[in-house]
Protein backbone atom coordinates (compact mmCIF):
# COMPACT_ATOMS: atom_id res chain seq x y z
CA UNK A 1 353.74 65.86 9.61
CA UNK A 2 350.22 65.38 10.10
CA UNK A 3 348.07 64.60 7.55
CA UNK A 4 345.81 67.80 8.06
CA UNK A 5 348.97 70.15 8.21
CA UNK A 6 349.90 68.73 4.94
CA UNK A 7 346.51 69.02 3.28
CA UNK A 8 345.00 72.34 4.97
CA UNK A 9 344.89 74.98 2.83
CA UNK A 10 344.90 77.52 5.86
CA UNK A 11 347.91 76.16 7.28
CA UNK A 12 349.36 76.09 3.87
CA UNK A 13 348.81 80.04 3.26
CA UNK A 14 350.31 80.05 6.82
CA UNK A 15 353.85 78.03 6.11
CA UNK A 16 354.12 79.80 2.14
CA UNK A 17 353.34 83.31 4.06
CA UNK A 18 356.17 82.66 7.04
CA UNK A 19 358.77 81.00 4.36
CA UNK A 20 358.23 84.21 1.72
CA UNK A 21 358.41 86.86 4.68
CA UNK A 22 361.63 85.54 6.36
CA UNK A 23 363.06 84.91 3.06
CA UNK A 24 362.60 88.42 2.09
CA UNK A 25 363.96 89.93 5.39
CA UNK A 26 366.72 87.61 5.50
CA UNK A 27 367.25 89.08 1.73
CA UNK A 28 366.61 92.76 2.28
CA UNK A 29 368.93 92.76 5.29
CA UNK A 30 372.44 92.05 3.43
CA UNK A 31 370.94 94.11 0.30
CA UNK A 32 370.71 97.17 2.44
CA UNK A 33 373.97 96.55 3.78
CA UNK A 34 375.10 96.42 0.73
CA UNK A 35 373.30 99.72 -0.82
CA UNK A 36 374.13 101.88 2.08
CA UNK A 37 377.97 101.29 2.95
CA UNK A 38 380.79 103.66 1.28
CA UNK A 39 383.00 100.93 1.11
CA UNK A 40 383.34 99.01 -2.03
CA UNK A 41 380.99 96.32 -3.20
CA UNK A 42 383.16 93.54 -3.49
CA UNK A 43 384.73 94.01 -0.23
CA UNK A 44 381.63 94.56 1.87
CA UNK A 45 379.79 91.67 0.31
CA UNK A 46 383.17 89.34 1.35
CA UNK A 47 382.61 91.29 4.88
CA UNK A 48 378.96 90.33 5.29
CA UNK A 49 379.31 86.70 3.63
CA UNK A 50 377.51 85.12 6.69
CA UNK A 51 374.09 87.24 6.12
CA UNK A 52 374.69 86.55 2.47
CA UNK A 53 373.89 82.78 3.37
CA UNK A 54 370.99 83.29 5.31
CA UNK A 55 368.48 83.08 2.75
CA UNK A 56 369.92 80.31 1.15
CA UNK A 57 370.16 78.30 4.97
CA UNK A 58 366.43 79.63 5.92
CA UNK A 59 364.40 76.86 4.48
CA UNK A 60 366.76 73.96 5.92
CA UNK A 61 366.32 75.75 9.27
CA UNK A 62 362.59 76.73 9.00
CA UNK A 63 361.17 73.38 7.99
CA UNK A 64 362.42 71.33 11.17
CA UNK A 65 361.92 74.29 13.11
CA UNK A 66 357.99 74.21 12.23
CA UNK A 67 358.06 70.66 12.59
CA UNK A 68 359.10 70.55 15.87
CA UNK A 69 356.59 73.55 16.76
CA UNK A 70 353.74 71.97 15.64
CA UNK A 71 354.41 68.76 17.52
CA UNK A 72 355.22 70.97 21.29
CA UNK A 73 351.91 72.78 20.34
CA UNK A 74 349.81 69.68 19.35
CA UNK A 75 351.31 67.61 22.87
CA UNK A 76 350.70 70.95 25.15
CA UNK A 77 346.79 71.01 23.51
CA UNK A 78 346.37 67.93 24.45
CA UNK A 79 347.37 67.78 28.16
CA UNK A 80 345.58 70.95 28.99
CA UNK A 81 343.13 70.66 31.57
CA UNK A 82 340.37 72.03 29.29
CA UNK A 83 341.18 69.26 26.95
CA UNK A 84 340.19 66.63 28.97
CA UNK A 85 338.02 64.47 27.20
CA UNK A 86 338.19 66.17 23.92
CA UNK A 87 341.09 63.61 22.94
CA UNK A 88 341.40 60.02 23.23
CA UNK A 89 339.05 57.02 22.79
CA UNK A 90 335.57 57.34 21.43
CA UNK A 91 332.77 55.43 19.68
CA UNK A 92 331.77 56.11 16.55
CA UNK A 93 328.17 55.34 14.70
CA UNK A 94 326.58 56.40 11.87
CA UNK A 95 323.14 56.44 10.86
CA UNK A 96 320.55 58.41 9.19
CA UNK A 97 320.50 61.37 11.59
CA UNK A 98 324.50 61.57 11.79
CA UNK A 99 327.78 60.81 13.11
CA UNK A 100 327.11 59.89 17.21
CA UNK A 101 330.51 60.45 19.10
CA UNK A 102 330.13 58.97 22.61
CA UNK A 103 332.79 59.15 24.94
CA UNK A 104 333.26 58.82 28.49
CA UNK A 105 332.37 62.68 29.02
CA UNK A 106 329.22 62.54 27.25
CA UNK A 107 327.66 61.93 23.28
CA UNK A 108 327.36 64.24 20.69
CA UNK A 109 325.50 64.26 17.23
CA UNK A 110 327.26 65.90 14.07
CA UNK A 111 324.54 66.43 11.70
CA UNK A 112 325.38 64.94 7.80
CA UNK A 113 324.91 68.83 6.45
CA UNK A 114 328.36 69.38 8.51
CA UNK A 115 330.41 66.37 6.90
CA UNK A 116 332.04 68.37 4.45
CA UNK A 117 335.33 66.45 3.05
CA UNK A 118 336.16 62.35 3.65
CA UNK A 119 339.82 61.68 3.24
CA UNK A 120 341.31 58.70 2.92
CA UNK A 121 345.09 57.09 3.43
CA UNK A 122 346.61 54.20 3.62
CA UNK A 123 345.98 53.88 7.82
CA UNK A 124 343.43 56.16 8.32
CA UNK A 125 339.80 57.65 7.69
CA UNK A 126 339.67 61.59 7.90
CA UNK A 127 336.08 62.51 8.72
CA UNK A 128 336.22 66.51 8.16
CA UNK A 129 333.00 68.17 10.30
CA UNK A 130 334.67 72.06 9.84
CA UNK A 131 338.07 72.77 8.62
CA UNK A 132 339.78 72.18 11.96
CA UNK A 133 337.80 69.12 13.19
CA UNK A 134 337.75 65.86 11.92
CA UNK A 135 337.08 61.95 13.17
CA UNK A 136 340.38 60.53 12.47
CA UNK A 137 339.70 56.68 12.19
CA UNK A 138 342.65 54.37 12.35
CA UNK A 139 341.74 51.19 9.63
CA UNK A 140 342.80 48.65 12.43
CA UNK A 141 339.91 49.76 13.90
CA UNK A 142 337.71 47.63 11.48
CA UNK A 143 337.80 43.78 11.19
CA UNK A 144 338.90 44.29 7.59
CA UNK A 145 339.55 46.42 4.29
CA UNK A 146 335.49 45.54 3.24
CA UNK A 147 333.98 46.94 6.79
CA UNK A 148 336.15 49.98 6.59
CA UNK A 149 335.16 50.47 2.98
CA UNK A 150 331.09 50.06 3.63
CA UNK A 151 331.79 52.28 6.62
CA UNK A 152 333.75 54.69 3.84
CA UNK A 153 330.21 54.53 1.20
CA UNK A 154 328.08 54.74 4.12
CA UNK A 155 329.59 58.04 5.04
CA UNK A 156 329.81 58.93 1.35
CA UNK A 157 326.09 58.59 1.13
CA UNK A 158 324.90 59.79 3.73
CA UNK A 159 326.83 63.36 3.56
CA UNK A 160 326.92 63.52 -0.25
CA UNK A 161 330.59 63.89 -0.38
CA UNK A 162 332.87 62.17 -2.63
CA UNK A 163 336.35 60.28 -0.43
CA UNK A 164 339.76 61.69 -1.42
CA UNK A 165 342.70 59.89 -1.37
């Protein structure tokens, strides 16, 4: 799973909501059968044992299904015609005015006021300009660790944010 999907509060709420909703539905279904049946409770429970396993197996099915769905959706977004030029290689430079992004299809500037988070992982630097947009810089793009630290320090200084690990 991507860094953003693991740490985004919105994505986390969605995952938890879907998990709780699915668990409740799968739990209520066998309970309704047990409550509305006229036969002996133990006999009915034995007859519907596969339904009783649903809530227990749900997390083991949900997690791989969710990861697969995220991968497929991201792959489709990248290959859509409307996304041409939005993903891929670009050049970033920083200065007092903001972050300048240069791509084959043009150039844009993000003012420092819009940089709201700076996250570091062992291999990447994430510069968030909104809850759904981030510049993702591989640390291998820098000459060495010292250069990547200087870059992070400059962004932190200009944007007034504290790097998160």
